[in-house]
PDB file of N, CA and C in Angstrom:
ATOM      1  N   MET A   1      -1.233   8.603 -10.080  1.00  0.00           N
ATOM      2  CA  MET A   1      -0.940   7.196  -9.893  1.00  0.00           C
ATOM      3  C   MET A   1       0.352   7.086  -9.086  1.00  0.00           C
ATOM      4  N   LEU A   2       0.345   6.263  -8.044  1.00  0.00           N
ATOM      5  CA  LEU A   2       1.531   5.976  -7.248  1.00  0.00           C
ATOM      6  C   LEU A   2       1.994   4.569  -7.560  1.00  0.00           C
ATOM      7  N   LEU A   3       3.310   4.372  -7.661  1.00  0.00           N
ATOM      8  CA  LEU A   3       3.872   3.055  -7.949  1.00  0.00           C
ATOM      9  C   LEU A   3       4.983   2.738  -6.971  1.00  0.00           C
ATOM     10  N   SER A   4       5.101   1.491  -6.595  1.00  0.00           N
ATOM     11  CA  SER A   4       6.247   0.992  -5.845  1.00  0.00           C
ATOM     12  C   SER A   4       6.551  -0.390  -6.393  1.00  0.00           C
ATOM     13  N   ILE A   5       7.795  -0.599  -6.808  1.00  0.00           N
ATOM     14  CA  ILE A   5       8.167  -1.854  -7.453  1.00  0.00           C
ATOM     15  C   ILE A   5       9.259  -2.549  -6.648  1.00  0.00           C
ATOM     16  N   LYS A   6       9.096  -3.869  -6.439  1.00  0.00           N
ATOM     17  CA  LYS A   6      10.132  -4.663  -5.793  1.00  0.00           C
ATOM     18  C   LYS A   6      10.127  -6.035  -6.441  1.00  0.00           C
ATOM     19  N   GLY A   7      11.245  -6.412  -7.022  1.00  0.00           N
ATOM     20  CA  GLY A   7      11.330  -7.702  -7.686  1.00  0.00           C
ATOM     21  C   GLY A   7      10.342  -7.786  -8.826  1.00  0.00           C
ATOM     22  N   ILE A   8       9.435  -8.749  -8.744  1.00  0.00           N
ATOM     23  CA  ILE A   8       8.461  -8.939  -9.812  1.00  0.00           C
ATOM     24  C   ILE A   8       7.061  -8.485  -9.411  1.00  0.00           C
ATOM     25  N   SER A   9       6.964  -7.759  -8.300  1.00  0.00           N
ATOM     26  CA  SER A   9       5.656  -7.291  -7.848  1.00  0.00           C
ATOM     27  C   SER A   9       5.587  -5.777  -7.929  1.00  0.00           C
ATOM     28  N   ILE A  10       4.390  -5.282  -8.043  1.00  0.00           N
ATOM     29  CA  ILE A  10       4.173  -3.846  -8.090  1.00  0.00           C
ATOM     30  C   ILE A  10       2.905  -3.521  -7.312  1.00  0.00           C
ATOM     31  N   ILE A  11       2.939  -2.415  -6.580  1.00  0.00           N
ATOM     32  CA  ILE A  11       1.737  -1.915  -5.929  1.00  0.00           C
ATOM     33  C   ILE A  11       1.337  -0.664  -6.695  1.00  0.00           C
ATOM     34  N   VAL A  12       0.083  -0.587  -7.072  1.00  0.00           N
ATOM     35  CA  VAL A  12      -0.405   0.525  -7.871  1.00  0.00           C
ATOM     36  C   VAL A  12      -1.565   1.203  -7.160  1.00  0.00           C
ATOM     37  N   LYS A  13      -1.500   2.508  -7.094  1.00  0.00           N
ATOM     38  CA  LYS A  13      -2.611   3.307  -6.577  1.00  0.00           C
ATOM     39  C   LYS A  13      -3.204   4.029  -7.771  1.00  0.00           C
ATOM     40  N   LEU A  14      -4.373   3.587  -8.209  1.00  0.00           N
ATOM     41  CA  LEU A  14      -4.965   4.121  -9.429  1.00  0.00           C
ATOM     42  C   LEU A  14      -5.938   5.264  -9.195  1.00  0.00           C
ATOM     43  N   SER A  15      -6.700   5.230  -8.122  1.00  0.00           N
ATOM     44  CA  SER A  15      -7.748   6.222  -7.936  1.00  0.00           C
ATOM     45  C   SER A  15      -7.969   6.491  -6.459  1.00  0.00           C
ATOM     46  N   SER A  16      -8.111   7.756  -6.110  1.00  0.00           N
ATOM     47  CA  SER A  16      -8.398   8.095  -4.716  1.00  0.00           C
ATOM     48  C   SER A  16      -9.886   7.943  -4.413  1.00  0.00           C
ATOM     49  N   LYS A  17     -10.695   7.700  -5.433  1.00  0.00           N
ATOM     50  CA  LYS A  17     -12.143   7.598  -5.244  1.00  0.00           C
ATOM     51  C   LYS A  17     -12.521   6.468  -4.290  1.00  0.00           C
ATOM     52  N   TYR A  18     -11.847   5.333  -4.401  1.00  0.00           N
ATOM     53  CA  TYR A  18     -12.210   4.165  -3.598  1.00  0.00           C
ATOM     54  C   TYR A  18     -11.235   3.896  -2.455  1.00  0.00           C
ATOM     55  N   TYR A  19     -10.196   4.691  -2.323  1.00  0.00           N
ATOM     56  CA  TYR A  19      -9.212   4.528  -1.249  1.00  0.00           C
ATOM     57  C   TYR A  19      -8.679   3.105  -1.172  1.00  0.00           C
ATOM     58  N   SER A  20      -8.229   2.573  -2.288  1.00  0.00           N
ATOM     59  CA  SER A  20      -7.684   1.221  -2.317  1.00  0.00           C
ATOM     60  C   SER A  20      -6.422   1.190  -3.170  1.00  0.00           C
ATOM     61  N   HIS A  21      -5.686   0.088  -3.063  1.00  0.00           N
ATOM     62  CA  HIS A  21      -4.519  -0.100  -3.925  1.00  0.00           C
ATOM     63  C   HIS A  21      -4.425  -1.573  -4.288  1.00  0.00           C
ATOM     64  N   GLU A  22      -3.638  -1.865  -5.326  1.00  0.00           N
ATOM     65  CA  GLU A  22      -3.580  -3.212  -5.878  1.00  0.00           C
ATOM     66  C   GLU A  22      -2.151  -3.738  -5.889  1.00  0.00           C
ATOM     67  N   LEU A  23      -2.004  -5.041  -5.691  1.00  0.00           N
ATOM     68  CA  LEU A  23      -0.714  -5.716  -5.796  1.00  0.00           C
ATOM     69  C   LEU A  23      -0.766  -6.608  -7.029  1.00  0.00           C
ATOM     70  N   TRP A  24       0.153  -6.362  -7.972  1.00  0.00           N
ATOM     71  CA  TRP A  24       0.189  -7.095  -9.244  1.00  0.00           C
ATOM     72  C   TRP A  24       1.434  -7.951  -9.344  1.00  0.00           C
ATOM     73  N   ASP A  25       1.302  -9.118  -9.935  1.00  0.00           N
ATOM     74  CA  ASP A  25       2.417  -9.979 -10.328  1.00  0.00           C
ATOM     75  C   ASP A  25       2.718  -9.610 -11.776  1.00  0.00           C
ATOM     76  N   LEU A  26       3.846  -8.931 -12.004  1.00  0.00           N
ATOM     77  CA  LEU A  26       4.145  -8.410 -13.338  1.00  0.00           C
ATOM     78  C   LEU A  26       4.334  -9.480 -14.409  1.00  0.00           C
ATOM     79  N   PRO A  27       5.166 -10.517 -14.180  1.00  0.00           N
ATOM     80  CA  PRO A  27       5.359 -11.512 -15.243  1.00  0.00           C
ATOM     81  C   PRO A  27       4.066 -12.229 -15.638  1.00  0.00           C
ATOM     82  N   ALA A  28       3.218 -12.509 -14.650  1.00  0.00           N
ATOM     83  CA  ALA A  28       1.964 -13.213 -14.934  1.00  0.00           C
ATOM     84  C   ALA A  28       0.880 -12.265 -15.439  1.00  0.00           C
ATOM     85  N   GLY A  29       1.083 -10.970 -15.203  1.00  0.00           N
ATOM     86  CA  GLY A  29       0.074  -9.999 -15.603  1.00  0.00           C
ATOM     87  C   GLY A  29      -1.225 -10.154 -14.838  1.00  0.00           C
ATOM     88  N   LYS A  30      -1.117 -10.597 -13.567  1.00  0.00           N
ATOM     89  CA  LYS A  30      -2.315 -10.875 -12.774  1.00  0.00           C
ATOM     90  C   LYS A  30      -2.358 -10.030 -11.505  1.00  0.00           C
ATOM     91  N   LEU A  31      -3.572  -9.657 -11.153  1.00  0.00           N
ATOM     92  CA  LEU A  31      -3.812  -8.979  -9.894  1.00  0.00           C
ATOM     93  C   LEU A  31      -3.727 -10.008  -8.774  1.00  0.00           C
ATOM     94  N   ARG A  32      -2.816  -9.788  -7.803  1.00  0.00           N
ATOM     95  CA  ARG A  32      -2.697 -10.725  -6.675  1.00  0.00           C
ATOM     96  C   ARG A  32      -3.717 -10.418  -5.598  1.00  0.00           C
ATOM     97  N   THR A  33      -3.877  -9.139  -5.280  1.00  0.00           N
ATOM     98  CA  THR A  33      -4.864  -8.763  -4.268  1.00  0.00           C
ATOM     99  C   THR A  33      -5.135  -7.274  -4.357  1.00  0.00           C
ATOM    100  N   GLU A  34      -6.228  -6.863  -3.775  1.00  0.00           N
ATOM    101  CA  GLU A  34      -6.569  -5.450  -3.669  1.00  0.00           C
ATOM    102  C   GLU A  34      -6.782  -5.145  -2.193  1.00  0.00           C
ATOM    103  N   PHE A  35      -6.156  -4.077  -1.729  1.00  0.00           N
ATOM    104  CA  PHE A  35      -6.276  -3.673  -0.330  1.00  0.00           C
ATOM    105  C   PHE A  35      -7.253  -2.506  -0.259  1.00  0.00           C
ATOM    106  N   LYS A  36      -8.326  -2.681   0.505  1.00  0.00           N
ATOM    107  CA  LYS A  36      -9.387  -1.678   0.587  1.00  0.00           C
ATOM    108  C   LYS A  36      -9.543  -1.198   2.022  1.00  0.00           C
ATOM    109  N   GLY A  37     -10.366  -0.174   2.189  1.00  0.00           N
ATOM    110  CA  GLY A  37     -10.765   0.241   3.519  1.00  0.00           C
ATOM    111  C   GLY A  37     -10.019   1.429   4.085  1.00  0.00           C
ATOM    112  N   HIS A  38      -9.243   2.124   3.278  1.00  0.00           N
ATOM    113  CA  HIS A  38      -8.588   3.322   3.786  1.00  0.00           C
ATOM    114  C   HIS A  38      -9.617   4.437   3.925  1.00  0.00           C
ATOM    115  N   SER A  39      -9.429   5.267   4.929  1.00  0.00           N
ATOM    116  CA  SER A  39     -10.393   6.329   5.205  1.00  0.00           C
ATOM    117  C   SER A  39     -10.089   7.614   4.452  1.00  0.00           C
ATOM    118  N   SER A  40      -8.963   7.653   3.751  1.00  0.00           N
ATOM    119  CA  SER A  40      -8.599   8.837   2.970  1.00  0.00           C
ATOM    120  C   SER A  40      -7.672   8.414   1.843  1.00  0.00           C
ATOM    121  N   GLY A  41      -7.298   9.365   1.021  1.00  0.00           N
ATOM    122  CA  GLY A  41      -6.408   9.079  -0.094  1.00  0.00           C
ATOM    123  C   GLY A  41      -5.034   8.621   0.359  1.00  0.00           C
ATOM    124  N   VAL A  42      -4.344   7.935  -0.509  1.00  0.00           N
ATOM    125  CA  VAL A  42      -3.003   7.423  -0.233  1.00  0.00           C
ATOM    126  C   VAL A  42      -1.979   8.414  -0.772  1.00  0.00           C
ATOM    127  N   SER A  43      -1.019   8.824   0.073  1.00  0.00           N
ATOM    128  CA  SER A  43       0.001   9.777  -0.360  1.00  0.00           C
ATOM    129  C   SER A  43       1.293   9.104  -0.787  1.00  0.00           C
ATOM    130  N   ASP A  44       1.549   7.866  -0.338  1.00  0.00           N
ATOM    131  CA  ASP A  44       2.771   7.163  -0.727  1.00  0.00           C
ATOM    132  C   ASP A  44       2.613   5.673  -0.446  1.00  0.00           C
ATOM    133  N   ILE A  45       3.317   4.861  -1.233  1.00  0.00           N
ATOM    134  CA  ILE A  45       3.330   3.409  -1.064  1.00  0.00           C
ATOM    135  C   ILE A  45       4.767   2.943  -1.217  1.00  0.00           C
ATOM    136  N   GLU A  46       5.246   2.134  -0.292  1.00  0.00           N
ATOM    137  CA  GLU A  46       6.612   1.606  -0.366  1.00  0.00           C
ATOM    138  C   GLU A  46       6.641   0.170   0.121  1.00  0.00           C
ATOM    139  N   PHE A  47       7.512  -0.643  -0.480  1.00  0.00           N
ATOM    140  CA  PHE A  47       7.792  -1.972   0.054  1.00  0.00           C
ATOM    141  C   PHE A  47       8.769  -1.826   1.211  1.00  0.00           C
ATOM    142  N   HIS A  48       8.645  -2.695   2.204  1.00  0.00           N
ATOM    143  CA  HIS A  48       9.596  -2.727   3.313  1.00  0.00           C
ATOM    144  C   HIS A  48      10.959  -3.112   2.751  1.00  0.00           C
ATOM    145  N   PRO A  49      12.043  -2.448   3.170  1.00  0.00           N
ATOM    146  CA  PRO A  49      13.362  -2.730   2.589  1.00  0.00           C
ATOM    147  C   PRO A  49      13.911  -4.125   2.890  1.00  0.00           C
ATOM    148  N   ASN A  50      13.504  -4.744   4.002  1.00  0.00           N
ATOM    149  CA  ASN A  50      14.061  -6.041   4.385  1.00  0.00           C
ATOM    150  C   ASN A  50      13.056  -7.187   4.345  1.00  0.00           C
ATOM    151  N   GLU A  51      11.806  -6.890   4.480  1.00  0.00           N
ATOM    152  CA  GLU A  51      10.764  -7.915   4.486  1.00  0.00           C
ATOM    153  C   GLU A  51      10.138  -7.988   3.100  1.00  0.00           C
ATOM    154  N   LEU A  52      10.377  -9.069   2.386  1.00  0.00           N
ATOM    155  CA  LEU A  52       9.935  -9.204   1.003  1.00  0.00           C
ATOM    156  C   LEU A  52       8.435  -9.015   0.826  1.00  0.00           C
ATOM    157  N   LEU A  53       7.655  -9.531   1.747  1.00  0.00           N
ATOM    158  CA  LEU A  53       6.208  -9.497   1.568  1.00  0.00           C
ATOM    159  C   LEU A  53       5.522  -8.519   2.511  1.00  0.00           C
ATOM    160  N   SER A  54       6.156  -7.374   2.740  1.00  0.00           N
ATOM    161  CA  SER A  54       5.562  -6.331   3.566  1.00  0.00           C
ATOM    162  C   SER A  54       5.560  -5.022   2.799  1.00  0.00           C
ATOM    163  N   ALA A  55       4.559  -4.207   3.062  1.00  0.00           N
ATOM    164  CA  ALA A  55       4.470  -2.901   2.418  1.00  0.00           C
ATOM    165  C   ALA A  55       3.965  -1.881   3.421  1.00  0.00           C
ATOM    166  N   VAL A  56       4.307  -0.631   3.177  1.00  0.00           N
ATOM    167  CA  VAL A  56       3.876   0.473   4.008  1.00  0.00           C
ATOM    168  C   VAL A  56       3.064   1.417   3.134  1.00  0.00           C
ATOM    169  N   VAL A  57       1.914   1.832   3.629  1.00  0.00           N
ATOM    170  CA  VAL A  57       1.061   2.760   2.900  1.00  0.00           C
ATOM    171  C   VAL A  57       0.853   3.987   3.777  1.00  0.00           C
ATOM    172  N   ALA A  58       1.203   5.166   3.257  1.00  0.00           N
ATOM    173  CA  ALA A  58       1.008   6.416   3.980  1.00  0.00           C
ATOM    174  C   ALA A  58      -0.282   7.062   3.481  1.00  0.00           C
ATOM    175  N   LEU A  59      -1.107   7.478   4.422  1.00  0.00           N
ATOM    176  CA  LEU A  59      -2.396   8.070   4.067  1.00  0.00           C
ATOM    177  C   LEU A  59      -2.373   9.574   4.276  1.00  0.00           C
ATOM    178  N   ILE A  60      -3.137  10.276   3.466  1.00  0.00           N
ATOM    179  CA  ILE A  60      -3.239  11.724   3.583  1.00  0.00           C
ATOM    180  C   ILE A  60      -3.776  12.113   4.951  1.00  0.00           C
ATOM    181  N   SER A  61      -4.560  11.255   5.571  1.00  0.00           N
ATOM    182  CA  SER A  61      -5.177  11.549   6.870  1.00  0.00           C
ATOM    183  C   SER A  61      -4.241  11.326   8.051  1.00  0.00           C
ATOM    184  N   LYS A  62      -2.940  11.254   7.829  1.00  0.00           N
ATOM    185  CA  LYS A  62      -1.862  11.155   8.822  1.00  0.00           C
ATOM    186  C   LYS A  62      -1.663   9.772   9.417  1.00  0.00           C
ATOM    187  N   TYR A  63      -2.188   8.749   8.804  1.00  0.00           N
ATOM    188  CA  TYR A  63      -1.970   7.385   9.274  1.00  0.00           C
ATOM    189  C   TYR A  63      -0.990   6.650   8.371  1.00  0.00           C
ATOM    190  N   VAL A  64      -0.278   5.692   8.961  1.00  0.00           N
ATOM    191  CA  VAL A  64       0.602   4.807   8.204  1.00  0.00           C
ATOM    192  C   VAL A  64       0.126   3.386   8.473  1.00  0.00           C
ATOM    193  N   LYS A  65      -0.100   2.623   7.410  1.00  0.00           N
ATOM    194  CA  LYS A  65      -0.577   1.244   7.545  1.00  0.00           C
ATOM    195  C   LYS A  65       0.509   0.293   7.063  1.00  0.00           C
ATOM    196  N   PHE A  66       0.730  -0.771   7.824  1.00  0.00           N
ATOM    197  CA  PHE A  66       1.707  -1.799   7.476  1.00  0.00           C
ATOM    198  C   PHE A  66       0.942  -3.057   7.071  1.00  0.00           C
ATOM    199  N   TRP A  67       1.186  -3.517   5.842  1.00  0.00           N
ATOM    200  CA  TRP A  67       0.444  -4.648   5.280  1.00  0.00           C
ATOM    201  C   TRP A  67       1.317  -5.880   5.134  1.00  0.00           C
ATOM    202  N   ASP A  68       0.757  -7.038   5.446  1.00  0.00           N
ATOM    203  CA  ASP A  68       1.353  -8.344   5.164  1.00  0.00           C
ATOM    204  C   ASP A  68       0.805  -8.745   3.796  1.00  0.00           C
ATOM    205  N   LEU A  69       1.651  -8.672   2.770  1.00  0.00           N
ATOM    206  CA  LEU A  69       1.199  -8.908   1.402  1.00  0.00           C
ATOM    207  C   LEU A  69       0.914 -10.375   1.120  1.00  0.00           C
ATOM    208  N   GLU A  70       1.631 -11.260   1.790  1.00  0.00           N
ATOM    209  CA  GLU A  70       1.431 -12.690   1.558  1.00  0.00           C
ATOM    210  C   GLU A  70       0.055 -13.147   2.051  1.00  0.00           C
ATOM    211  N   ASN A  71      -0.338 -12.641   3.221  1.00  0.00           N
ATOM    212  CA  ASN A  71      -1.607 -13.051   3.823  1.00  0.00           C
ATOM    213  C   ASN A  71      -2.731 -12.041   3.604  1.00  0.00           C
ATOM    214  N   HIS A  72      -2.428 -10.961   2.889  1.00  0.00           N
ATOM    215  CA  HIS A  72      -3.424  -9.953   2.507  1.00  0.00           C
ATOM    216  C   HIS A  72      -4.129  -9.366   3.725  1.00  0.00           C
ATOM    217  N   ARG A  73      -3.347  -8.993   4.734  1.00  0.00           N
ATOM    218  CA  ARG A  73      -3.978  -8.451   5.939  1.00  0.00           C
ATOM    219  C   ARG A  73      -3.194  -7.268   6.486  1.00  0.00           C
ATOM    220  N   LEU A  74      -3.906  -6.417   7.197  1.00  0.00           N
ATOM    221  CA  LEU A  74      -3.307  -5.273   7.855  1.00  0.00           C
ATOM    222  C   LEU A  74      -2.610  -5.753   9.120  1.00  0.00           C
ATOM    223  N   VAL A  75      -1.335  -5.408   9.281  1.00  0.00           N
ATOM    224  CA  VAL A  75      -0.556  -5.820  10.445  1.00  0.00           C
ATOM    225  C   VAL A  75      -0.610  -4.752  11.528  1.00  0.00           C
ATOM    226  N   SER A  76      -0.509  -3.488  11.114  1.00  0.00           N
ATOM    227  CA  SER A  76      -0.424  -2.401  12.077  1.00  0.00           C
ATOM    228  C   SER A  76      -0.942  -1.114  11.448  1.00  0.00           C
ATOM    229  N   ASN A  77      -1.465  -0.246  12.291  1.00  0.00           N
ATOM    230  CA  ASN A  77      -1.968   1.051  11.863  1.00  0.00           C
ATOM    231  C   ASN A  77      -1.419   2.086  12.836  1.00  0.00           C
ATOM    232  N   THR A  78      -0.659   3.048  12.352  1.00  0.00           N
ATOM    233  CA  THR A  78       0.003   4.017  13.216  1.00  0.00           C
ATOM    234  C   THR A  78      -0.491   5.422  12.920  1.00  0.00           C
ATOM    235  N   ASP A  79      -0.774   6.183  13.966  1.00  0.00           N
ATOM    236  CA  ASP A  79      -1.197   7.573  13.832  1.00  0.00           C
ATOM    237  C   ASP A  79       0.045   8.448  13.698  1.00  0.00           C
ATOM    238  N   GLY A  80       0.112   9.225  12.628  1.00  0.00           N
ATOM    239  CA  GLY A  80       1.257  10.097  12.391  1.00  0.00           C
ATOM    240  C   GLY A  80       1.280  11.330  13.269  1.00  0.00           C
ATOM    241  N   ASP A  81       0.206  11.623  13.986  1.00  0.00           N
ATOM    242  CA  ASP A  81       0.080  12.704  14.957  1.00  0.00           C
ATOM    243  C   ASP A  81       0.066  14.117  14.397  1.00  0.00           C
ATOM    244  N   SER A  82       1.071  14.492  13.626  1.00  0.00           N
ATOM    245  CA  SER A  82       1.246  15.906  13.300  1.00  0.00           C
ATOM    246  C   SER A  82       0.646  16.346  11.975  1.00  0.00           C
ATOM    247  N   GLY A  83      -0.037  15.493  11.268  1.00  0.00           N
ATOM    248  CA  GLY A  83      -0.641  15.908  10.009  1.00  0.00           C
ATOM    249  C   GLY A  83      -0.422  14.894   8.918  1.00  0.00           C
ATOM    250  N   PRO A  84      -0.707  15.278   7.691  1.00  0.00           N
ATOM    251  CA  PRO A  84      -0.585  14.352   6.570  1.00  0.00           C
ATOM    252  C   PRO A  84       0.809  13.762   6.440  1.00  0.00           C
ATOM    253  N   VAL A  85       0.881  12.497   6.061  1.00  0.00           N
ATOM    254  CA  VAL A  85       2.163  11.826   5.854  1.00  0.00           C
ATOM    255  C   VAL A  85       2.623  12.141   4.447  1.00  0.00           C
ATOM    256  N   GLN A  86       3.828  12.635   4.306  1.00  0.00           N
ATOM    257  CA  GLN A  86       4.367  13.042   3.001  1.00  0.00           C
ATOM    258  C   GLN A  86       5.201  11.954   2.397  1.00  0.00           C
TER     259      GLN A  86
END
């Protein structure tokens, strides 16, 4: 399980089977959204240090995805070139 916490939100990676992750509102105990469609397992999840509603997801397949959490959409997809993102 991978976790990244910022303020009152948390991103959780529960299973590599479906290649997805979830954004939870902790005080409300509610799932805000689920991000799907990754082509491989997730190796790391982090919130952007300056943008409150942005997150970065590193994939085992050497890609990095930048997500807009407020609008639940993929902003950018970057090829890591040299191998898996650690």
